[in-house]
Amino acid sequence: PPVIVNRESLTGTGQLPKFEEDLFHITNTNY
């Protein structure tokens, strides 16, 4: 699979919104 995912995917599995600080967010994107 891709190793870059969107916010909806992370919300679906439960990482977001609770664990946002543990993730690497690509600046100025939804990725």
Full PDB file with SEQRES, HELIX, SHEET, SSBOND, CRYST1, ORIGX, SCALE, CONECT and MASTER records, all heavy atoms in Angstrom:
SEQRES   1 A   31  PRO PRO VAL ILE VAL ASN ARG GLU SER LEU THR GLY THR          
SEQRES   2 A   31  GLY GLN LEU PRO LYS PHE GLU GLU ASP LEU PHE HIS ILE          
SEQRES   3 A   31  THR ASN THR ASN TYR                                          
HELIX    1 AA1 ARG A    7  THR A   13  1                                   7    
HELIX    2 AA2 GLU A   20  ASP A   22  5                                   3    
CRYST1    1.000    1.000    1.000  90.00  90.00  90.00 P 1           1          
ORIGX1      1.000000  0.000000  0.000000        0.00000                         
ORIGX2      0.000000  1.000000  0.000000        0.00000                         
ORIGX3      0.000000  0.000000  1.000000        0.00000                         
SCALE1      1.000000  0.000000  0.000000        0.00000                         
SCALE2      0.000000  1.000000  0.000000        0.00000                         
SCALE3      0.000000  0.000000  1.000000        0.00000                         
ATOM      1  N   PRO A   1       0.816  -1.213   0.000  1.00  0.00           N  
ATOM      2  CA  PRO A   1       0.000   0.000   0.000  1.00  0.00           C  
ATOM      3  C   PRO A   1       0.852   1.266   0.000  1.00  0.00           C  
ATOM      4  O   PRO A   1       2.062   1.222   0.238  1.00  0.00           O  
ATOM      5  CB  PRO A   1      -0.770  -0.118   1.316  1.00  0.00           C  
ATOM      6  CG  PRO A   1       0.233  -0.772   2.232  1.00  0.00           C  
ATOM      7  CD  PRO A   1       1.024  -1.736   1.365  1.00  0.00           C  
ATOM      8  N   PRO A   2       0.230   2.433  -0.218  1.00  0.00           N  
ATOM      9  CA  PRO A   2       0.944   3.694  -0.030  1.00  0.00           C  
ATOM     10  C   PRO A   2       1.355   3.855   1.433  1.00  0.00           C  
ATOM     11  O   PRO A   2       0.671   3.365   2.334  1.00  0.00           O  
ATOM     12  CB  PRO A   2      -0.098   4.759  -0.419  1.00  0.00           C  
ATOM     13  CG  PRO A   2      -1.169   4.034  -1.167  1.00  0.00           C  
ATOM     14  CD  PRO A   2      -1.173   2.638  -0.649  1.00  0.00           C  
ATOM     15  N   VAL A   3       2.458   4.549   1.663  1.00  0.00           N  
ATOM     16  CA  VAL A   3       2.884   4.838   3.035  1.00  0.00           C  
ATOM     17  C   VAL A   3       2.490   6.256   3.437  1.00  0.00           C  
ATOM     18  O   VAL A   3       2.812   6.700   4.544  1.00  0.00           O  
ATOM     19  CB  VAL A   3       4.394   4.619   3.228  1.00  0.00           C  
ATOM     20  CG1 VAL A   3       4.741   3.170   2.961  1.00  0.00           C  
ATOM     21  CG2 VAL A   3       5.216   5.547   2.353  1.00  0.00           C  
ATOM     22  N   ILE A   4       1.796   6.952   2.558  1.00  0.00           N  
ATOM     23  CA  ILE A   4       1.209   8.256   2.845  1.00  0.00           C  
ATOM     24  C   ILE A   4      -0.306   8.103   2.759  1.00  0.00           C  
ATOM     25  O   ILE A   4      -0.828   7.580   1.776  1.00  0.00           O  
ATOM     26  CB  ILE A   4       1.692   9.331   1.860  1.00  0.00           C  
ATOM     27  CG1 ILE A   4       3.211   9.547   2.011  1.00  0.00           C  
ATOM     28  CG2 ILE A   4       0.964  10.652   2.080  1.00  0.00           C  
ATOM     29  CD1 ILE A   4       3.792  10.500   0.976  1.00  0.00           C  
ATOM     30  N   VAL A   5      -1.008   8.545   3.795  1.00  0.00           N  
ATOM     31  CA  VAL A   5      -2.463   8.412   3.831  1.00  0.00           C  
ATOM     32  C   VAL A   5      -3.092   9.751   4.189  1.00  0.00           C  
ATOM     33  O   VAL A   5      -2.427  10.668   4.691  1.00  0.00           O  
ATOM     34  CB  VAL A   5      -2.922   7.343   4.850  1.00  0.00           C  
ATOM     35  CG1 VAL A   5      -2.471   5.957   4.430  1.00  0.00           C  
ATOM     36  CG2 VAL A   5      -2.411   7.678   6.251  1.00  0.00           C  
ATOM     37  N   ASN A   6      -4.404   9.857   3.931  1.00  0.00           N  
ATOM     38  CA  ASN A   6      -5.094  11.097   4.257  1.00  0.00           C  
ATOM     39  C   ASN A   6      -5.694  11.048   5.663  1.00  0.00           C  
ATOM     40  O   ASN A   6      -5.674  10.017   6.338  1.00  0.00           O  
ATOM     41  CB  ASN A   6      -6.168  11.424   3.204  1.00  0.00           C  
ATOM     42  CG  ASN A   6      -7.183  10.307   3.023  1.00  0.00           C  
ATOM     43  OD1 ASN A   6      -7.538   9.594   3.963  1.00  0.00           O  
ATOM     44  ND2 ASN A   6      -7.683  10.149   1.804  1.00  0.00           N  
ATOM     45  N   ARG A   7      -6.219  12.175   6.066  1.00  0.00           N  
ATOM     46  CA  ARG A   7      -6.754  12.314   7.413  1.00  0.00           C  
ATOM     47  C   ARG A   7      -7.933  11.367   7.656  1.00  0.00           C  
ATOM     48  O   ARG A   7      -8.081  10.813   8.748  1.00  0.00           O  
ATOM     49  CB  ARG A   7      -7.179  13.762   7.665  1.00  0.00           C  
ATOM     50  CG  ARG A   7      -7.574  14.059   9.086  1.00  0.00           C  
ATOM     51  CD  ARG A   7      -7.837  15.538   9.345  1.00  0.00           C  
ATOM     52  NE  ARG A   7      -8.050  15.743  10.768  1.00  0.00           N  
ATOM     53  CZ  ARG A   7      -7.100  15.980  11.646  1.00  0.00           C  
ATOM     54  NH1 ARG A   7      -5.848  16.075  11.245  1.00  0.00           N  
ATOM     55  NH2 ARG A   7      -7.397  16.140  12.927  1.00  0.00           N  
ATOM     56  N   GLU A   8      -8.733  11.153   6.619  1.00  0.00           N  
ATOM     57  CA  GLU A   8      -9.892  10.284   6.759  1.00  0.00           C  
ATOM     58  C   GLU A   8      -9.485   8.851   7.097  1.00  0.00           C  
ATOM     59  O   GLU A   8     -10.149   8.174   7.900  1.00  0.00           O  
ATOM     60  CB  GLU A   8     -10.726  10.305   5.475  1.00  0.00           C  
ATOM     61  CG  GLU A   8     -11.452  11.618   5.203  1.00  0.00           C  
ATOM     62  CD  GLU A   8     -10.549  12.736   4.702  1.00  0.00           C  
ATOM     63  OE1 GLU A   8      -9.401  12.435   4.261  1.00  0.00           O  
ATOM     64  OE2 GLU A   8     -10.964  13.917   4.749  1.00  0.00           O  
ATOM     65  N   SER A   9      -8.400   8.391   6.492  1.00  0.00           N  
ATOM     66  CA  SER A   9      -7.929   7.032   6.764  1.00  0.00           C  
ATOM     67  C   SER A   9      -7.484   6.882   8.213  1.00  0.00           C  
ATOM     68  O   SER A   9      -7.800   5.892   8.879  1.00  0.00           O  
ATOM     69  CB  SER A   9      -6.777   6.673   5.816  1.00  0.00           C  
ATOM     70  OG  SER A   9      -7.228   6.562   4.489  1.00  0.00           O  
ATOM     71  N   LEU A  10      -6.756   7.858   8.723  1.00  0.00           N  
ATOM     72  CA  LEU A  10      -6.294   7.805  10.109  1.00  0.00           C  
ATOM     73  C   LEU A  10      -7.441   7.952  11.103  1.00  0.00           C  
ATOM     74  O   LEU A  10      -7.412   7.376  12.186  1.00  0.00           O  
ATOM     75  CB  LEU A  10      -5.242   8.890  10.342  1.00  0.00           C  
ATOM     76  CG  LEU A  10      -3.880   8.602   9.700  1.00  0.00           C  
ATOM     77  CD1 LEU A  10      -3.098   9.892   9.488  1.00  0.00           C  
ATOM     78  CD2 LEU A  10      -3.068   7.622  10.551  1.00  0.00           C  
ATOM     79  N   THR A  11      -8.460   8.709  10.726  1.00  0.00           N  
ATOM     80  CA  THR A  11      -9.653   8.816  11.569  1.00  0.00           C  
ATOM     81  C   THR A  11     -10.395   7.485  11.597  1.00  0.00           C  
ATOM     82  O   THR A  11     -10.891   7.054  12.644  1.00  0.00           O  
ATOM     83  CB  THR A  11     -10.580   9.932  11.060  1.00  0.00           C  
ATOM     84  OG1 THR A  11      -9.872  11.187  11.054  1.00  0.00           O  
ATOM     85  CG2 THR A  11     -11.809  10.063  11.946  1.00  0.00           C  
ATOM     86  N   GLY A  12     -10.438   6.812  10.447  1.00  0.00           N  
ATOM     87  CA  GLY A  12     -11.137   5.537  10.354  1.00  0.00           C  
ATOM     88  C   GLY A  12     -10.572   4.466  11.271  1.00  0.00           C  
ATOM     89  O   GLY A  12     -11.319   3.670  11.846  1.00  0.00           O  
ATOM     90  N   THR A  13      -9.250   4.435  11.431  1.00  0.00           N  
ATOM     91  CA  THR A  13      -8.633   3.416  12.270  1.00  0.00           C  
ATOM     92  C   THR A  13      -8.393   3.876  13.708  1.00  0.00           C  
ATOM     93  O   THR A  13      -7.943   3.093  14.549  1.00  0.00           O  
ATOM     94  CB  THR A  13      -7.301   2.940  11.659  1.00  0.00           C  
ATOM     95  OG1 THR A  13      -6.520   4.068  11.255  1.00  0.00           O  
ATOM     96  CG2 THR A  13      -7.548   2.039  10.470  1.00  0.00           C  
ATOM     97  N   GLY A  14      -8.673   5.141  13.996  1.00  0.00           N  
ATOM     98  CA  GLY A  14      -8.644   5.600  15.378  1.00  0.00           C  
ATOM     99  C   GLY A  14      -7.408   6.364  15.801  1.00  0.00           C  
ATOM    100  O   GLY A  14      -7.301   6.789  16.954  1.00  0.00           O  
ATOM    101  N   GLN A  15      -6.443   6.575  14.877  1.00  0.00           N  
ATOM    102  CA  GLN A  15      -5.254   7.355  15.251  1.00  0.00           C  
ATOM    103  C   GLN A  15      -5.586   8.836  15.394  1.00  0.00           C  
ATOM    104  O   GLN A  15      -4.973   9.539  16.196  1.00  0.00           O  
ATOM    105  CB  GLN A  15      -4.142   7.186  14.204  1.00  0.00           C  
ATOM    106  CG  GLN A  15      -3.344   5.901  14.317  1.00  0.00           C  
ATOM    107  CD  GLN A  15      -4.062   4.711  13.732  1.00  0.00           C  
ATOM    108  OE1 GLN A  15      -5.050   4.846  13.004  1.00  0.00           O  
ATOM    109  NE2 GLN A  15      -3.580   3.519  14.023  1.00  0.00           N  
ATOM    110  N   LEU A  16      -6.528   9.313  14.615  1.00  0.00           N  
ATOM    111  CA  LEU A  16      -6.988  10.693  14.701  1.00  0.00           C  
ATOM    112  C   LEU A  16      -8.427  10.707  15.201  1.00  0.00           C  
ATOM    113  O   LEU A  16      -9.206   9.795  14.933  1.00  0.00           O  
ATOM    114  CB  LEU A  16      -6.908  11.376  13.330  1.00  0.00           C  
ATOM    115  CG  LEU A  16      -5.514  11.727  12.816  1.00  0.00           C  
ATOM    116  CD1 LEU A  16      -5.601  12.362  11.425  1.00  0.00           C  
ATOM    117  CD2 LEU A  16      -4.782  12.662  13.758  1.00  0.00           C  
ATOM    118  N   PRO A  17      -8.727  11.744  16.003  1.00  0.00           N  
ATOM    119  CA  PRO A  17      -7.898  12.907  16.347  1.00  0.00           C  
ATOM    120  C   PRO A  17      -6.995  12.730  17.562  1.00  0.00           C  
ATOM    121  O   PRO A  17      -6.163  13.585  17.832  1.00  0.00           O  
ATOM    122  CB  PRO A  17      -8.939  13.981  16.635  1.00  0.00           C  
ATOM    123  CG  PRO A  17     -10.093  13.220  17.202  1.00  0.00           C  
ATOM    124  CD  PRO A  17     -10.141  11.919  16.461  1.00  0.00           C  
ATOM    125  N   LYS A  18      -7.138  11.634  18.315  1.00  0.00           N  
ATOM    126  CA  LYS A  18      -6.498  11.502  19.620  1.00  0.00           C  
ATOM    127  C   LYS A  18      -4.971  11.524  19.570  1.00  0.00           C  
ATOM    128  O   LYS A  18      -4.324  12.119  20.433  1.00  0.00           O  
ATOM    129  CB  LYS A  18      -6.964  10.212  20.303  1.00  0.00           C  
ATOM    130  CG  LYS A  18      -6.407  10.026  21.709  1.00  0.00           C  
ATOM    131  CD  LYS A  18      -7.018   8.802  22.380  1.00  0.00           C  
ATOM    132  CE  LYS A  18      -6.399   8.563  23.751  1.00  0.00           C  
ATOM    133  NZ  LYS A  18      -6.655   9.696  24.698  1.00  0.00           N  
ATOM    134  N   PHE A  19      -4.355  10.898  18.560  1.00  0.00           N  
ATOM    135  CA  PHE A  19      -2.909  10.704  18.568  1.00  0.00           C  
ATOM    136  C   PHE A  19      -2.179  11.531  17.515  1.00  0.00           C  
ATOM    137  O   PHE A  19      -1.142  11.126  17.004  1.00  0.00           O  
ATOM    138  CB  PHE A  19      -2.589   9.218  18.374  1.00  0.00           C  
ATOM    139  CG  PHE A  19      -3.195   8.336  19.420  1.00  0.00           C  
ATOM    140  CD1 PHE A  19      -4.282   7.524  19.126  1.00  0.00           C  
ATOM    141  CD2 PHE A  19      -2.708   8.339  20.711  1.00  0.00           C  
ATOM    142  CE1 PHE A  19      -4.849   6.715  20.092  1.00  0.00           C  
ATOM    143  CE2 PHE A  19      -3.269   7.530  21.694  1.00  0.00           C  
ATOM    144  CZ  PHE A  19      -4.341   6.720  21.388  1.00  0.00           C  
ATOM    145  N   GLU A  20      -2.703  12.708  17.221  1.00  0.00           N  
ATOM    146  CA  GLU A  20      -2.116  13.543  16.172  1.00  0.00           C  
ATOM    147  C   GLU A  20      -0.655  13.879  16.463  1.00  0.00           C  
ATOM    148  O   GLU A  20       0.163  13.926  15.555  1.00  0.00           O  
ATOM    149  CB  GLU A  20      -2.935  14.822  15.978  1.00  0.00           C  
ATOM    150  CG  GLU A  20      -2.417  15.712  14.876  1.00  0.00           C  
ATOM    151  CD  GLU A  20      -3.497  16.316  14.009  1.00  0.00           C  
ATOM    152  OE1 GLU A  20      -4.671  16.290  14.441  1.00  0.00           O  
ATOM    153  OE2 GLU A  20      -3.180  16.764  12.906  1.00  0.00           O  
ATOM    154  N   GLU A  21      -0.305  14.124  17.720  1.00  0.00           N  
ATOM    155  CA  GLU A  21       1.060  14.510  18.042  1.00  0.00           C  
ATOM    156  C   GLU A  21       2.066  13.383  17.816  1.00  0.00           C  
ATOM    157  O   GLU A  21       3.270  13.629  17.736  1.00  0.00           O  
ATOM    158  CB  GLU A  21       1.155  15.002  19.480  1.00  0.00           C  
ATOM    159  CG  GLU A  21       0.945  13.941  20.537  1.00  0.00           C  
ATOM    160  CD  GLU A  21       1.210  14.441  21.939  1.00  0.00           C  
ATOM    161  OE1 GLU A  21       1.465  15.644  22.118  1.00  0.00           O  
ATOM    162  OE2 GLU A  21       1.173  13.619  22.862  1.00  0.00           O  
ATOM    163  N   ASP A  22       1.582  12.150  17.701  1.00  0.00           N  
ATOM    164  CA  ASP A  22       2.469  11.019  17.467  1.00  0.00           C  
ATOM    165  C   ASP A  22       2.706  10.753  15.983  1.00  0.00           C  
ATOM    166  O   ASP A  22       3.473   9.851  15.632  1.00  0.00           O  
ATOM    167  CB  ASP A  22       1.897   9.750  18.108  1.00  0.00           C  
ATOM    168  CG  ASP A  22       1.907   9.823  19.626  1.00  0.00           C  
ATOM    169  OD1 ASP A  22       2.880  10.353  20.186  1.00  0.00           O  
ATOM    170  OD2 ASP A  22       0.931   9.365  20.250  1.00  0.00           O  
ATOM    171  N   LEU A  23       2.067  11.539  15.119  1.00  0.00           N  
ATOM    172  CA  LEU A  23       2.140  11.312  13.682  1.00  0.00           C  
ATOM    173  C   LEU A  23       3.041  12.342  13.009  1.00  0.00           C  
ATOM    174  O   LEU A  23       3.221  13.454  13.498  1.00  0.00           O  
ATOM    175  CB  LEU A  23       0.741  11.390  13.062  1.00  0.00           C  
ATOM    176  CG  LEU A  23      -0.304  10.411  13.608  1.00  0.00           C  
ATOM    177  CD1 LEU A  23      -1.684  10.767  13.065  1.00  0.00           C  
ATOM    178  CD2 LEU A  23       0.043   8.978  13.231  1.00  0.00           C  
ATOM    179  N   PHE A  24       3.583  11.951  11.849  1.00  0.00           N  
ATOM    180  CA  PHE A  24       4.312  12.874  11.004  1.00  0.00           C  
ATOM    181  C   PHE A  24       3.349  13.414   9.946  1.00  0.00           C  
ATOM    182  O   PHE A  24       2.915  12.683   9.050  1.00  0.00           O  
ATOM    183  CB  PHE A  24       5.501  12.186  10.341  1.00  0.00           C  
ATOM    184  CG  PHE A  24       6.691  12.022  11.242  1.00  0.00           C  
ATOM    185  CD1 PHE A  24       7.008  10.786  11.760  1.00  0.00           C  
ATOM    186  CD2 PHE A  24       7.481  13.103  11.578  1.00  0.00           C  
ATOM    187  CE1 PHE A  24       8.106  10.620  12.601  1.00  0.00           C  
ATOM    188  CE2 PHE A  24       8.576  12.957  12.425  1.00  0.00           C  
ATOM    189  CZ  PHE A  24       8.889  11.708  12.934  1.00  0.00           C  
ATOM    190  N   HIS A  25       3.018  14.697  10.071  1.00  0.00           N  
ATOM    191  CA  HIS A  25       2.097  15.363   9.154  1.00  0.00           C  
ATOM    192  C   HIS A  25       2.898  16.085   8.084  1.00  0.00           C  
ATOM    193  O   HIS A  25       3.875  16.776   8.389  1.00  0.00           O  
ATOM    194  CB  HIS A  25       1.219  16.349   9.927  1.00  0.00           C  
ATOM    195  CG  HIS A  25       0.247  17.087   9.070  1.00  0.00           C  
ATOM    196  ND1 HIS A  25      -0.077  18.418   9.273  1.00  0.00           N  
ATOM    197  CD2 HIS A  25      -0.484  16.698   7.989  1.00  0.00           C  
ATOM    198  CE1 HIS A  25      -0.956  18.799   8.373  1.00  0.00           C  
ATOM    199  NE2 HIS A  25      -1.223  17.776   7.578  1.00  0.00           N  
ATOM    200  N   ILE A  26       2.511  15.911   6.831  1.00  0.00           N  
ATOM    201  CA  ILE A  26       3.164  16.617   5.731  1.00  0.00           C  
ATOM    202  C   ILE A  26       2.567  18.019   5.649  1.00  0.00           C  
ATOM    203  O   ILE A  26       1.378  18.184   5.355  1.00  0.00           O  
ATOM    204  CB  ILE A  26       2.986  15.857   4.408  1.00  0.00           C  
ATOM    205  CG1 ILE A  26       3.597  14.456   4.538  1.00  0.00           C  
ATOM    206  CG2 ILE A  26       3.668  16.617   3.259  1.00  0.00           C  
ATOM    207  CD1 ILE A  26       3.384  13.570   3.342  1.00  0.00           C  
ATOM    208  N   THR A  27       3.369  19.022   5.914  1.00  0.00           N  
ATOM    209  CA  THR A  27       2.919  20.401   6.037  1.00  0.00           C  
ATOM    210  C   THR A  27       2.123  20.864   4.823  1.00  0.00           C  
ATOM    211  O   THR A  27       2.473  20.553   3.673  1.00  0.00           O  
ATOM    212  CB  THR A  27       4.126  21.334   6.248  1.00  0.00           C  
ATOM    213  OG1 THR A  27       4.900  20.862   7.356  1.00  0.00           O  
ATOM    214  CG2 THR A  27       3.674  22.766   6.540  1.00  0.00           C  
ATOM    215  N   ASN A  28       1.043  21.599   5.108  1.00  0.00           N  
ATOM    216  CA  ASN A  28       0.185  22.208   4.085  1.00  0.00           C  
ATOM    217  C   ASN A  28      -0.524  21.178   3.204  1.00  0.00           C  
ATOM    218  O   ASN A  28      -0.877  21.457   2.062  1.00  0.00           O  
ATOM    219  CB  ASN A  28       0.983  23.183   3.201  1.00  0.00           C  
ATOM    220  CG  ASN A  28       1.558  24.341   3.996  1.00  0.00           C  
ATOM    221  OD1 ASN A  28       0.927  24.853   4.917  1.00  0.00           O  
ATOM    222  ND2 ASN A  28       2.757  24.769   3.633  1.00  0.00           N  
ATOM    223  N   THR A  29      -0.710  19.966   3.734  1.00  0.00           N  
ATOM    224  CA  THR A  29      -1.442  18.929   3.003  1.00  0.00           C  
ATOM    225  C   THR A  29      -2.393  18.229   3.961  1.00  0.00           C  
ATOM    226  O   THR A  29      -2.364  18.422   5.176  1.00  0.00           O  
ATOM    227  CB  THR A  29      -0.503  17.867   2.393  1.00  0.00           C  
ATOM    228  OG1 THR A  29       0.012  17.027   3.434  1.00  0.00           O  
ATOM    229  CG2 THR A  29       0.649  18.511   1.632  1.00  0.00           C  
ATOM    230  N   ASN A  30      -3.214  17.360   3.386  1.00  0.00           N  
ATOM    231  CA  ASN A  30      -4.095  16.487   4.150  1.00  0.00           C  
ATOM    232  C   ASN A  30      -3.447  15.128   4.376  1.00  0.00           C  
ATOM    233  O   ASN A  30      -4.111  14.167   4.744  1.00  0.00           O  
ATOM    234  CB  ASN A  30      -5.431  16.332   3.400  1.00  0.00           C  
ATOM    235  CG  ASN A  30      -6.503  15.615   4.198  1.00  0.00           C  
ATOM    236  OD1 ASN A  30      -6.617  15.832   5.400  1.00  0.00           O  
ATOM    237  ND2 ASN A  30      -7.288  14.753   3.556  1.00  0.00           N  
ATOM    238  N   TYR A  31      -2.123  15.045   4.164  1.00  0.00           N  
ATOM    239  CA  TYR A  31      -1.413  13.778   4.170  1.00  0.00           C  
ATOM    240  C   TYR A  31      -0.567  13.582   5.423  1.00  0.00           C  
ATOM    241  O   TYR A  31      -0.026  14.531   6.000  1.00  0.00           O  
ATOM    242  CB  TYR A  31      -0.503  13.679   2.949  1.00  0.00           C  
ATOM    243  CG  TYR A  31      -1.222  13.676   1.620  1.00  0.00           C  
ATOM    244  CD1 TYR A  31      -0.615  14.195   0.490  1.00  0.00           C  
ATOM    245  CD2 TYR A  31      -2.502  13.148   1.490  1.00  0.00           C  
ATOM    246  CE1 TYR A  31      -1.255  14.196  -0.738  1.00  0.00           C  
ATOM    247  CE2 TYR A  31      -3.147  13.137   0.270  1.00  0.00           C  
ATOM    248  CZ  TYR A  31      -2.526  13.672  -0.839  1.00  0.00           C  
ATOM    249  OH  TYR A  31      -3.167  13.665  -2.049  1.00  0.00           O  
TER     250      TYR A  31                                                      
MASTER        0    0    0    2    0    0    0    6  249    1    0    3          
END                                                                             
